[in-house]
């Protein structure tokens, strides 16, 4: 049985579209991926995202990438917790990315949130990815 890392694929699609200079990218919709896209929008890494239906009726996330001075706003994005090795932490152990310039995205009992919100609400969880 093969294991597919849909979050890793989603992150790779965003990274590759930004490196290629694309204005938008699309990926199949899920609530988890929608939560990650929402955090990226709120924290200023992407312009906006929409939920659209493809011709076959499947919901898709359309992400409008953000560029600052011709450079992609996301300098780096990496997957932390993988299907073969999950990474969990308490709110005190949430890593600071580039001394607070980047963000960590977590899956907590109260939903998907960034590191700042998780620390404020004293919630730990699974570290999904880090963005800078």
Protein backbone atom coordinates (compact mmCIF):
# COMPACT_ATOMS: atom_id res chain seq x y z
CA UNK A 1 0.00 0.00 0.00
CA UNK A 2 1.41 3.36 -0.97
CA UNK A 3 1.27 6.43 1.26
CA UNK A 4 0.62 9.80 -0.30
CA UNK A 5 1.58 13.04 1.41
CA UNK A 6 -1.06 15.44 0.11
CA UNK A 7 0.14 18.29 2.33
CA UNK A 8 3.69 17.84 1.03
CA UNK A 9 2.38 17.83 -2.54
CA UNK A 10 0.32 20.97 -1.84
CA UNK A 11 3.38 22.77 -0.45
CA UNK A 12 5.45 21.66 -3.45
CA UNK A 13 2.84 22.99 -5.90
CA UNK A 14 2.97 26.41 -4.19
CA UNK A 15 6.79 26.41 -4.11
CA UNK A 16 7.16 25.35 -7.76
CA UNK A 17 4.53 27.84 -9.01
CA UNK A 18 6.34 30.66 -7.21
CA UNK A 19 9.73 29.62 -8.56
CA UNK A 20 8.27 29.47 -12.09
CA UNK A 21 6.76 32.97 -11.74
CA UNK A 22 3.15 31.82 -12.09
CA UNK A 23 0.37 34.10 -10.85
CA UNK A 24 -1.91 31.28 -9.65
CA UNK A 25 -1.83 27.59 -8.84
CA UNK A 26 -4.57 25.04 -8.19
CA UNK A 27 -4.86 21.97 -6.00
CA UNK A 28 -7.82 19.76 -4.97
CA UNK A 29 -9.76 21.15 -1.99
CA UNK A 30 -9.72 19.81 1.54
CA UNK A 31 -10.43 21.55 4.84
CA UNK A 32 -6.83 21.07 5.96
CA UNK A 33 -5.36 22.60 2.79
CA UNK A 34 -7.93 25.40 2.95
CA UNK A 35 -6.80 26.15 6.52
CA UNK A 36 -3.16 26.31 5.44
CA UNK A 37 -4.03 28.62 2.52
CA UNK A 38 -6.04 30.83 4.87
CA UNK A 39 -3.08 31.22 7.23
CA UNK A 40 -0.77 32.00 4.30
CA UNK A 41 -3.20 34.71 3.19
CA UNK A 42 -3.64 36.23 6.66
CA UNK A 43 0.12 36.32 7.26
CA UNK A 44 0.77 37.92 3.84
CA UNK A 45 2.49 35.10 1.96
CA UNK A 46 -0.22 34.79 -0.74
CA UNK A 47 -2.60 37.42 -2.15
CA UNK A 48 -5.80 35.42 -1.87
CA UNK A 49 -7.30 32.01 -2.42
CA UNK A 50 -10.65 30.88 -3.81
CA UNK A 51 -12.60 27.66 -3.82
CA UNK A 52 -13.65 26.90 -7.39
CA UNK A 53 -15.28 23.96 -9.15
CA UNK A 54 -13.49 22.37 -12.07
CA UNK A 55 -15.26 21.25 -15.23
CA UNK A 56 -15.71 17.77 -13.75
CA UNK A 57 -17.36 19.22 -10.63
CA UNK A 58 -14.44 18.69 -8.24
CA UNK A 59 -13.72 21.50 -5.77
CA UNK A 60 -10.30 23.09 -6.23
CA UNK A 61 -8.29 25.64 -4.27
CA UNK A 62 -7.04 28.41 -6.52
CA UNK A 63 -4.18 30.26 -4.85
CA UNK A 64 -3.12 33.69 -6.12
CA UNK A 65 0.58 34.05 -5.40
CA UNK A 66 2.12 37.26 -4.08
CA UNK A 67 5.29 38.84 -5.43
CA UNK A 68 7.26 41.64 -3.77
CA UNK A 69 9.64 43.50 -6.04
CA UNK A 70 9.48 40.70 -8.60
CA UNK A 71 10.46 38.10 -5.97
CA UNK A 72 8.10 35.43 -4.66
CA UNK A 73 6.86 36.37 -1.17
CA UNK A 74 7.52 32.82 0.05
CA UNK A 75 11.31 32.52 0.22
CA UNK A 76 11.09 28.99 1.59
CA UNK A 77 8.44 26.51 2.63
CA UNK A 78 9.21 23.11 4.06
CA UNK A 79 7.25 20.16 5.40
CA UNK A 80 8.11 19.25 9.00
CA UNK A 81 5.78 16.39 9.95
CA UNK A 82 5.74 13.63 7.34
CA UNK A 83 3.64 10.46 7.05
CA UNK A 84 6.57 8.30 8.13
CA UNK A 85 7.62 10.56 11.00
CA UNK A 86 5.07 12.76 12.72
CA UNK A 87 6.37 15.70 14.73
CA UNK A 88 4.38 16.95 17.71
CA UNK A 89 5.17 19.67 20.23
CA UNK A 90 3.64 21.49 23.15
CA UNK A 91 3.02 25.22 22.97
CA UNK A 92 6.28 25.94 24.80
CA UNK A 93 8.33 23.97 22.26
CA UNK A 94 6.89 25.49 19.06
CA UNK A 95 9.94 26.54 17.02
CA UNK A 96 10.47 30.14 15.98
CA UNK A 97 11.25 30.34 12.27
CA UNK A 98 14.04 32.83 11.46
CA UNK A 99 13.68 34.45 14.87
CA UNK A 100 9.99 35.21 14.33
CA UNK A 101 10.18 36.43 10.71
CA UNK A 102 8.68 33.17 9.43
CA UNK A 103 5.80 31.08 10.68
CA UNK A 104 5.11 27.50 11.67
CA UNK A 105 1.71 26.04 10.82
CA UNK A 106 0.23 23.54 13.29
CA UNK A 107 -2.73 21.22 13.44
CA UNK A 108 -4.16 21.70 16.95
CA UNK A 109 -7.27 20.35 18.70
CA UNK A 110 -8.96 23.68 17.84
CA UNK A 111 -8.03 23.56 14.15
CA UNK A 112 -5.21 24.73 11.91
CA UNK A 113 -3.34 27.76 13.25
CA UNK A 114 -0.02 29.54 13.05
CA UNK A 115 2.63 29.47 15.76
CA UNK A 116 1.73 32.84 17.23
CA UNK A 117 -1.95 31.92 17.72
CA UNK A 118 -1.05 28.50 19.14
CA UNK A 119 1.28 30.04 21.72
CA UNK A 120 -1.33 32.65 22.65
CA UNK A 121 -4.03 30.00 23.12
CA UNK A 122 -1.55 27.63 24.85
CA UNK A 123 -2.14 24.86 22.32
CA UNK A 124 0.33 22.33 20.99
CA UNK A 125 -0.13 19.91 18.15
CA UNK A 126 1.36 18.48 15.00
CA UNK A 127 3.87 20.72 13.20
CA UNK A 128 2.76 20.67 9.58
CA UNK A 129 5.18 23.07 7.88
CA UNK A 130 7.29 26.19 8.25
CA UNK A 131 7.22 29.19 5.92
CA UNK A 132 9.66 32.09 5.59
